[in-house]
Structure formats: C-alpha cells, structure tokens
PDB file of N, CA and C in Angstrom:
ATOM      1  N   MET A   1      -2.187  12.761  -5.996  1.00  0.00           N
ATOM      2  CA  MET A   1      -2.686  13.058  -4.675  1.00  0.00           C
ATOM      3  C   MET A   1      -1.917  14.200  -4.033  1.00  0.00           C
ATOM      4  N   GLY A   2      -0.949  14.715  -4.739  1.00  0.00           N
ATOM      5  CA  GLY A   2      -0.267  15.925  -4.300  1.00  0.00           C
ATOM      6  C   GLY A   2       0.471  15.803  -2.984  1.00  0.00           C
ATOM      7  N   SER A   3       0.221  16.760  -2.099  1.00  0.00           N
ATOM      8  CA  SER A   3       0.985  16.849  -0.859  1.00  0.00           C
ATOM      9  C   SER A   3       0.725  15.663   0.070  1.00  0.00           C
ATOM     10  N   VAL A   4      -0.467  15.076  -0.007  1.00  0.00           N
ATOM     11  CA  VAL A   4      -0.749  13.898   0.825  1.00  0.00           C
ATOM     12  C   VAL A   4       0.172  12.746   0.432  1.00  0.00           C
ATOM     13  N   ALA A   5       0.300  12.521  -0.860  1.00  0.00           N
ATOM     14  CA  ALA A   5       1.196  11.464  -1.343  1.00  0.00           C
ATOM     15  C   ALA A   5       2.634  11.769  -0.951  1.00  0.00           C
ATOM     16  N   ASP A   6       3.041  13.010  -1.073  1.00  0.00           N
ATOM     17  CA  ASP A   6       4.404  13.389  -0.705  1.00  0.00           C
ATOM     18  C   ASP A   6       4.677  13.108   0.766  1.00  0.00           C
ATOM     19  N   GLU A   7       3.713  13.419   1.618  1.00  0.00           N
ATOM     20  CA  GLU A   7       3.873  13.143   3.053  1.00  0.00           C
ATOM     21  C   GLU A   7       3.964  11.643   3.306  1.00  0.00           C
ATOM     22  N   CYS A   8       3.124  10.879   2.633  1.00  0.00           N
ATOM     23  CA  CYS A   8       3.158   9.419   2.786  1.00  0.00           C
ATOM     24  C   CYS A   8       4.501   8.859   2.335  1.00  0.00           C
ATOM     25  N   LEU A   9       5.006   9.343   1.228  1.00  0.00           N
ATOM     26  CA  LEU A   9       6.301   8.879   0.728  1.00  0.00           C
ATOM     27  C   LEU A   9       7.415   9.206   1.717  1.00  0.00           C
ATOM     28  N   ASP A  10       7.374  10.401   2.273  1.00  0.00           N
ATOM     29  CA  ASP A  10       8.379  10.785   3.274  1.00  0.00           C
ATOM     30  C   ASP A  10       8.338   9.862   4.483  1.00  0.00           C
ATOM     31  N   VAL A  11       7.140   9.548   4.958  1.00  0.00           N
ATOM     32  CA  VAL A  11       6.997   8.660   6.116  1.00  0.00           C
ATOM     33  C   VAL A  11       7.499   7.260   5.783  1.00  0.00           C
ATOM     34  N   LEU A  12       7.126   6.749   4.614  1.00  0.00           N
ATOM     35  CA  LEU A  12       7.583   5.410   4.222  1.00  0.00           C
ATOM     36  C   LEU A  12       9.107   5.350   4.127  1.00  0.00           C
ATOM     37  N   GLN A  13       9.704   6.382   3.558  1.00  0.00           N
ATOM     38  CA  GLN A  13      11.165   6.404   3.446  1.00  0.00           C
ATOM     39  C   GLN A  13      11.818   6.432   4.824  1.00  0.00           C
ATOM     40  N   LYS A  14      11.296   7.267   5.692  1.00  0.00           N
ATOM     41  CA  LYS A  14      11.877   7.447   7.018  1.00  0.00           C
ATOM     42  C   LYS A  14      11.615   6.245   7.933  1.00  0.00           C
ATOM     43  N   ASP A  15      10.351   5.877   8.069  1.00  0.00           N
ATOM     44  CA  ASP A  15       9.974   4.845   9.027  1.00  0.00           C
ATOM     45  C   ASP A  15      10.382   3.433   8.605  1.00  0.00           C
ATOM     46  N   TYR A  16      10.446   3.187   7.301  1.00  0.00           N
ATOM     47  CA  TYR A  16      10.757   1.841   6.817  1.00  0.00           C
ATOM     48  C   TYR A  16      12.077   1.766   6.070  1.00  0.00           C
ATOM     49  N   ASP A  17      12.825   2.858   6.099  1.00  0.00           N
ATOM     50  CA  ASP A  17      14.144   2.898   5.469  1.00  0.00           C
ATOM     51  C   ASP A  17      14.096   2.448   4.003  1.00  0.00           C
ATOM     52  N   LEU A  18      13.189   3.046   3.245  1.00  0.00           N
ATOM     53  CA  LEU A  18      13.037   2.721   1.833  1.00  0.00           C
ATOM     54  C   LEU A  18      13.622   3.827   0.972  1.00  0.00           C
ATOM     55  N   SER A  19      14.077   3.432  -0.200  1.00  0.00           N
ATOM     56  CA  SER A  19      14.488   4.438  -1.182  1.00  0.00           C
ATOM     57  C   SER A  19      13.242   5.165  -1.664  1.00  0.00           C
ATOM     58  N   LYS A  20      13.446   6.292  -2.296  1.00  0.00           N
ATOM     59  CA  LYS A  20      12.314   7.056  -2.820  1.00  0.00           C
ATOM     60  C   LYS A  20      11.524   6.229  -3.831  1.00  0.00           C
ATOM     61  N   ASP A  21      12.226   5.519  -4.710  1.00  0.00           N
ATOM     62  CA  ASP A  21      11.553   4.698  -5.717  1.00  0.00           C
ATOM     63  C   ASP A  21      10.753   3.563  -5.084  1.00  0.00           C
ATOM     64  N   ASN A  22      11.338   2.895  -4.089  1.00  0.00           N
ATOM     65  CA  ASN A  22      10.614   1.802  -3.437  1.00  0.00           C
ATOM     66  C   ASN A  22       9.432   2.323  -2.632  1.00  0.00           C
ATOM     67  N   ALA A  23       9.587   3.461  -1.984  1.00  0.00           N
ATOM     68  CA  ALA A  23       8.468   4.052  -1.246  1.00  0.00           C
ATOM     69  C   ALA A  23       7.327   4.381  -2.209  1.00  0.00           C
ATOM     70  N   LYS A  24       7.669   4.899  -3.367  1.00  0.00           N
ATOM     71  CA  LYS A  24       6.650   5.239  -4.369  1.00  0.00           C
ATOM     72  C   LYS A  24       5.956   3.981  -4.877  1.00  0.00           C
ATOM     73  N   THR A  25       6.724   2.933  -5.142  1.00  0.00           N
ATOM     74  CA  THR A  25       6.144   1.679  -5.603  1.00  0.00           C
ATOM     75  C   THR A  25       5.212   1.092  -4.551  1.00  0.00           C
ATOM     76  N   LEU A  26       5.652   1.077  -3.298  1.00  0.00           N
ATOM     77  CA  LEU A  26       4.829   0.564  -2.214  1.00  0.00           C
ATOM     78  C   LEU A  26       3.545   1.378  -2.081  1.00  0.00           C
ATOM     79  N   PHE A  27       3.673   2.695  -2.071  1.00  0.00           N
ATOM     80  CA  PHE A  27       2.513   3.575  -1.939  1.00  0.00           C
ATOM     81  C   PHE A  27       1.521   3.335  -3.080  1.00  0.00           C
ATOM     82  N   GLU A  28       2.009   3.282  -4.305  1.00  0.00           N
ATOM     83  CA  GLU A  28       1.128   3.094  -5.461  1.00  0.00           C
ATOM     84  C   GLU A  28       0.422   1.744  -5.393  1.00  0.00           C
ATOM     85  N   HIS A  29       1.164   0.704  -5.027  1.00  0.00           N
ATOM     86  CA  HIS A  29       0.578  -0.631  -4.969  1.00  0.00           C
ATOM     87  C   HIS A  29      -0.537  -0.694  -3.926  1.00  0.00           C
ATOM     88  N   VAL A  30      -0.261  -0.208  -2.733  1.00  0.00           N
ATOM     89  CA  VAL A  30      -1.270  -0.245  -1.665  1.00  0.00           C
ATOM     90  C   VAL A  30      -2.435   0.686  -2.004  1.00  0.00           C
ATOM     91  N   TRP A  31      -2.154   1.839  -2.597  1.00  0.00           N
ATOM     92  CA  TRP A  31      -3.221   2.767  -2.968  1.00  0.00           C
ATOM     93  C   TRP A  31      -4.147   2.133  -4.004  1.00  0.00           C
ATOM     94  N   ILE A  32      -3.576   1.482  -5.010  1.00  0.00           N
ATOM     95  CA  ILE A  32      -4.385   0.842  -6.048  1.00  0.00           C
ATOM     96  C   ILE A  32      -5.222  -0.286  -5.441  1.00  0.00           C
ATOM     97  N   HIS A  33      -4.625  -1.071  -4.564  1.00  0.00           N
ATOM     98  CA  HIS A  33      -5.356  -2.144  -3.894  1.00  0.00           C
ATOM     99  C   HIS A  33      -6.501  -1.555  -3.068  1.00  0.00           C
ATOM    100  N   THR A  34      -6.229  -0.494  -2.330  1.00  0.00           N
ATOM    101  CA  THR A  34      -7.248   0.167  -1.518  1.00  0.00           C
ATOM    102  C   THR A  34      -8.373   0.711  -2.395  1.00  0.00           C
ATOM    103  N   PHE A  35      -8.013   1.339  -3.497  1.00  0.00           N
ATOM    104  CA  PHE A  35      -9.010   1.880  -4.421  1.00  0.00           C
ATOM    105  C   PHE A  35      -9.883   0.763  -4.981  1.00  0.00           C
ATOM    106  N   GLY A  36      -9.250  -0.354  -5.342  1.00  0.00           N
ATOM    107  CA  GLY A  36      -9.997  -1.485  -5.877  1.00  0.00           C
ATOM    108  C   GLY A  36     -11.014  -2.029  -4.886  1.00  0.00           C
ATOM    109  N   ILE A  37     -10.604  -2.180  -3.637  1.00  0.00           N
ATOM    110  CA  ILE A  37     -11.523  -2.650  -2.598  1.00  0.00           C
ATOM    111  C   ILE A  37     -12.679  -1.658  -2.444  1.00  0.00           C
ATOM    112  N   GLY A  38     -12.343  -0.361  -2.424  1.00  0.00           N
ATOM    113  CA  GLY A  38     -13.383   0.662  -2.298  1.00  0.00           C
ATOM    114  C   GLY A  38     -14.363   0.625  -3.456  1.00  0.00           C
ATOM    115  N   ALA A  39     -13.856   0.456  -4.663  1.00  0.00           N
ATOM    116  CA  ALA A  39     -14.726   0.406  -5.842  1.00  0.00           C
ATOM    117  C   ALA A  39     -15.634  -0.823  -5.792  1.00  0.00           C
ATOM    118  N   LEU A  40     -15.088  -1.956  -5.389  1.00  0.00           N
ATOM    119  CA  LEU A  40     -15.900  -3.175  -5.286  1.00  0.00           C
ATOM    120  C   LEU A  40     -17.012  -3.018  -4.250  1.00  0.00           C
ATOM    121  N   CYS A  41     -16.684  -2.404  -3.139  1.00  0.00           N
ATOM    122  CA  CYS A  41     -17.692  -2.177  -2.091  1.00  0.00           C
ATOM    123  C   CYS A  41     -18.720  -1.138  -2.525  1.00  0.00           C
ATOM    124  N   ALA A  42     -18.262  -0.049  -3.135  1.00  0.00           N
ATOM    125  CA  ALA A  42     -19.161   1.043  -3.533  1.00  0.00           C
ATOM    126  C   ALA A  42     -20.152   0.607  -4.604  1.00  0.00           C
ATOM    127  N   THR A  43     -19.742  -0.304  -5.470  1.00  0.00           N
ATOM    128  CA  THR A  43     -20.627  -0.757  -6.544  1.00  0.00           C
ATOM    129  C   THR A  43     -21.477  -1.950  -6.136  1.00  0.00           C
ATOM    130  N   GLY A  44     -21.286  -2.417  -4.902  1.00  0.00           N
ATOM    131  CA  GLY A  44     -22.082  -3.531  -4.405  1.00  0.00           C
ATOM    132  C   GLY A  44     -21.619  -4.892  -4.883  1.00  0.00           C
ATOM    133  N   VAL A  45     -20.479  -4.942  -5.546  1.00  0.00           N
ATOM    134  CA  VAL A  45     -19.948  -6.225  -6.017  1.00  0.00           C
ATOM    135  C   VAL A  45     -19.496  -7.076  -4.834  1.00  0.00           C
ATOM    136  N   CYS A  46     -18.907  -6.448  -3.837  1.00  0.00           N
ATOM    137  CA  CYS A  46     -18.442  -7.138  -2.640  1.00  0.00           C
ATOM    138  C   CYS A  46     -18.938  -6.398  -1.401  1.00  0.00           C
ATOM    139  N   ASP A  47     -19.044  -7.125  -0.334  1.00  0.00           N
ATOM    140  CA  ASP A  47     -19.474  -6.541   0.935  1.00  0.00           C
ATOM    141  C   ASP A  47     -18.505  -7.010   2.021  1.00  0.00           C
ATOM    142  N   PHE A  48     -17.294  -6.465   1.979  1.00  0.00           N
ATOM    143  CA  PHE A  48     -16.266  -6.849   2.941  1.00  0.00           C
ATOM    144  C   PHE A  48     -16.513  -6.169   4.282  1.00  0.00           C
ATOM    145  N   SER A  49     -16.217  -6.880   5.348  1.00  0.00           N
ATOM    146  CA  SER A  49     -16.288  -6.267   6.680  1.00  0.00           C
ATOM    147  C   SER A  49     -15.044  -5.410   6.882  1.00  0.00           C
ATOM    148  N   HIS A  50     -15.075  -4.559   7.880  1.00  0.00           N
ATOM    149  CA  HIS A  50     -13.899  -3.742   8.195  1.00  0.00           C
ATOM    150  C   HIS A  50     -12.710  -4.641   8.534  1.00  0.00           C
ATOM    151  N   GLU A  51     -12.984  -5.743   9.210  1.00  0.00           N
ATOM    152  CA  GLU A  51     -11.916  -6.679   9.579  1.00  0.00           C
ATOM    153  C   GLU A  51     -11.308  -7.331   8.343  1.00  0.00           C
ATOM    154  N   GLN A  52     -12.135  -7.703   7.382  1.00  0.00           N
ATOM    155  CA  GLN A  52     -11.626  -8.294   6.145  1.00  0.00           C
ATOM    156  C   GLN A  52     -10.760  -7.299   5.375  1.00  0.00           C
ATOM    157  N   ILE A  53     -11.224  -6.075   5.286  1.00  0.00           N
ATOM    158  CA  ILE A  53     -10.458  -5.047   4.575  1.00  0.00           C
ATOM    159  C   ILE A  53      -9.130  -4.795   5.282  1.00  0.00           C
ATOM    160  N   ALA A  54      -9.162  -4.688   6.597  1.00  0.00           N
ATOM    161  CA  ALA A  54      -7.925  -4.473   7.351  1.00  0.00           C
ATOM    162  C   ALA A  54      -6.949  -5.615   7.108  1.00  0.00           C
ATOM    163  N   GLU A  55      -7.431  -6.833   7.096  1.00  0.00           N
ATOM    164  CA  GLU A  55      -6.562  -7.992   6.873  1.00  0.00           C
ATOM    165  C   GLU A  55      -5.980  -7.989   5.456  1.00  0.00           C
ATOM    166  N   MET A  56      -6.807  -7.688   4.454  1.00  0.00           N
ATOM    167  CA  MET A  56      -6.312  -7.641   3.072  1.00  0.00           C
ATOM    168  C   MET A  56      -5.233  -6.575   2.907  1.00  0.00           C
ATOM    169  N   LEU A  57      -5.470  -5.387   3.467  1.00  0.00           N
ATOM    170  CA  LEU A  57      -4.495  -4.304   3.330  1.00  0.00           C
ATOM    171  C   LEU A  57      -3.222  -4.607   4.113  1.00  0.00           C
ATOM    172  N   THR A  58      -3.371  -5.234   5.267  1.00  0.00           N
ATOM    173  CA  THR A  58      -2.196  -5.635   6.043  1.00  0.00           C
ATOM    174  C   THR A  58      -1.373  -6.652   5.269  1.00  0.00           C
ATOM    175  N   GLN A  59      -2.021  -7.623   4.674  1.00  0.00           N
ATOM    176  CA  GLN A  59      -1.313  -8.634   3.893  1.00  0.00           C
ATOM    177  C   GLN A  59      -0.605  -8.019   2.699  1.00  0.00           C
ATOM    178  N   ASP A  60      -1.265  -7.109   2.012  1.00  0.00           N
ATOM    179  CA  ASP A  60      -0.686  -6.439   0.850  1.00  0.00           C
ATOM    180  C   ASP A  60       0.556  -5.644   1.250  1.00  0.00           C
ATOM    181  N   PHE A  61       0.421  -4.837   2.292  1.00  0.00           N
ATOM    182  CA  PHE A  61       1.535  -4.015   2.765  1.00  0.00           C
ATOM    183  C   PHE A  61       2.697  -4.909   3.219  1.00  0.00           C
ATOM    184  N   THR A  62       2.385  -5.932   4.000  1.00  0.00           N
ATOM    185  CA  THR A  62       3.421  -6.813   4.527  1.00  0.00           C
ATOM    186  C   THR A  62       4.145  -7.554   3.410  1.00  0.00           C
ATOM    187  N   ALA A  63       3.402  -8.039   2.435  1.00  0.00           N
ATOM    188  CA  ALA A  63       4.013  -8.752   1.317  1.00  0.00           C
ATOM    189  C   ALA A  63       4.962  -7.847   0.534  1.00  0.00           C
ATOM    190  N   MET A  64       4.528  -6.625   0.267  1.00  0.00           N
ATOM    191  CA  MET A  64       5.389  -5.692  -0.461  1.00  0.00           C
ATOM    192  C   MET A  64       6.640  -5.353   0.344  1.00  0.00           C
ATOM    193  N   MET A  65       6.478  -5.144   1.649  1.00  0.00           N
ATOM    194  CA  MET A  65       7.637  -4.826   2.488  1.00  0.00           C
ATOM    195  C   MET A  65       8.616  -5.995   2.528  1.00  0.00           C
ATOM    196  N   MET A  66       8.100  -7.207   2.648  1.00  0.00           N
ATOM    197  CA  MET A  66       8.976  -8.381   2.672  1.00  0.00           C
ATOM    198  C   MET A  66       9.732  -8.508   1.358  1.00  0.00           C
ATOM    199  N   LEU A  67       9.044  -8.293   0.269  1.00  0.00           N
ATOM    200  CA  LEU A  67       9.687  -8.360  -1.043  1.00  0.00           C
ATOM    201  C   LEU A  67      10.804  -7.330  -1.147  1.00  0.00           C
ATOM    202  N   MET A  68      10.529  -6.122  -0.708  1.00  0.00           N
ATOM    203  CA  MET A  68      11.518  -5.054  -0.811  1.00  0.00           C
ATOM    204  C   MET A  68      12.687  -5.251   0.147  1.00  0.00           C
ATOM    205  N   LYS A  69      12.414  -5.702   1.362  1.00  0.00           N
ATOM    206  CA  LYS A  69      13.451  -5.802   2.387  1.00  0.00           C
ATOM    207  C   LYS A  69      14.269  -7.086   2.290  1.00  0.00           C
ATOM    208  N   PHE A  70      13.587  -8.213   2.168  1.00  0.00           N
ATOM    209  CA  PHE A  70      14.290  -9.483   2.247  1.00  0.00           C
ATOM    210  C   PHE A  70      14.807  -9.977   0.914  1.00  0.00           C
ATOM    211  N   ARG A  71      14.205  -9.559  -0.145  1.00  0.00           N
ATOM    212  CA  ARG A  71      14.688  -9.942  -1.467  1.00  0.00           C
ATOM    213  C   ARG A  71      15.550  -8.836  -2.073  1.00  0.00           C
ATOM    214  N   LYS A  72      15.720  -7.781  -1.314  1.00  0.00           N
ATOM    215  CA  LYS A  72      16.532  -6.644  -1.748  1.00  0.00           C
ATOM    216  C   LYS A  72      16.095  -6.143  -3.111  1.00  0.00           C
ATOM    217  N   TRP A  73      14.765  -6.054  -3.281  1.00  0.00           N
ATOM    218  CA  TRP A  73      14.198  -5.599  -4.534  1.00  0.00           C
ATOM    219  C   TRP A  73      14.501  -4.129  -4.737  1.00  0.00           C
ATOM    220  N   LYS A  74      15.021  -3.810  -5.862  1.00  0.00           N
ATOM    221  CA  LYS A  74      15.308  -2.420  -6.201  1.00  0.00           C
ATOM    222  C   LYS A  74      14.592  -2.109  -7.491  1.00  0.00           C
ATOM    223  N   LYS A  75      13.989  -0.955  -7.504  1.00  0.00           N
ATOM    224  CA  LYS A  75      13.333  -0.521  -8.731  1.00  0.00           C
ATOM    225  C   LYS A  75      14.216   0.450  -9.434  1.00  0.00           C
TER     226      LYS A  75
END
C-alpha cells in the first residue's frame, strides 16, 4: 500500500506507543480483517450493516492492542 501504509504505521507508532514491528503487525491484521469483510460483502456472501462492520473492526483493533499492551507481546 506504499505511502498510505507508511503513514498509518507512523500514526500507530506515535499515537499508541508501538514499536515498528508491532505497528506493522497490528496494521496487517486489521487490514486483512477489513479486506475479508469487504470481500464477503462484495461477493454477496454476507450483508453486514455499517454498525456491524464498525463493531467487528473495533473489536479486532481493541483485541490486538490489548494483546500488545497488556501481555507485552513483542514480535
């Protein structure tokens, strides 16, 4: 994703005090989850509401952050 990914990684490192590796892991995980939801919706397999998608992405992001912060996960 080039410069967009680089900007996202910079923000994650700065705003959430993550290492470069953890920011990359978080970004990749959420991006893959987002892509999967988009593919399911685009192919008609699922018909999630905007609220459902927002909740799923919030849960994914929050779970990854908790794992990284509270379990001191290092990649």
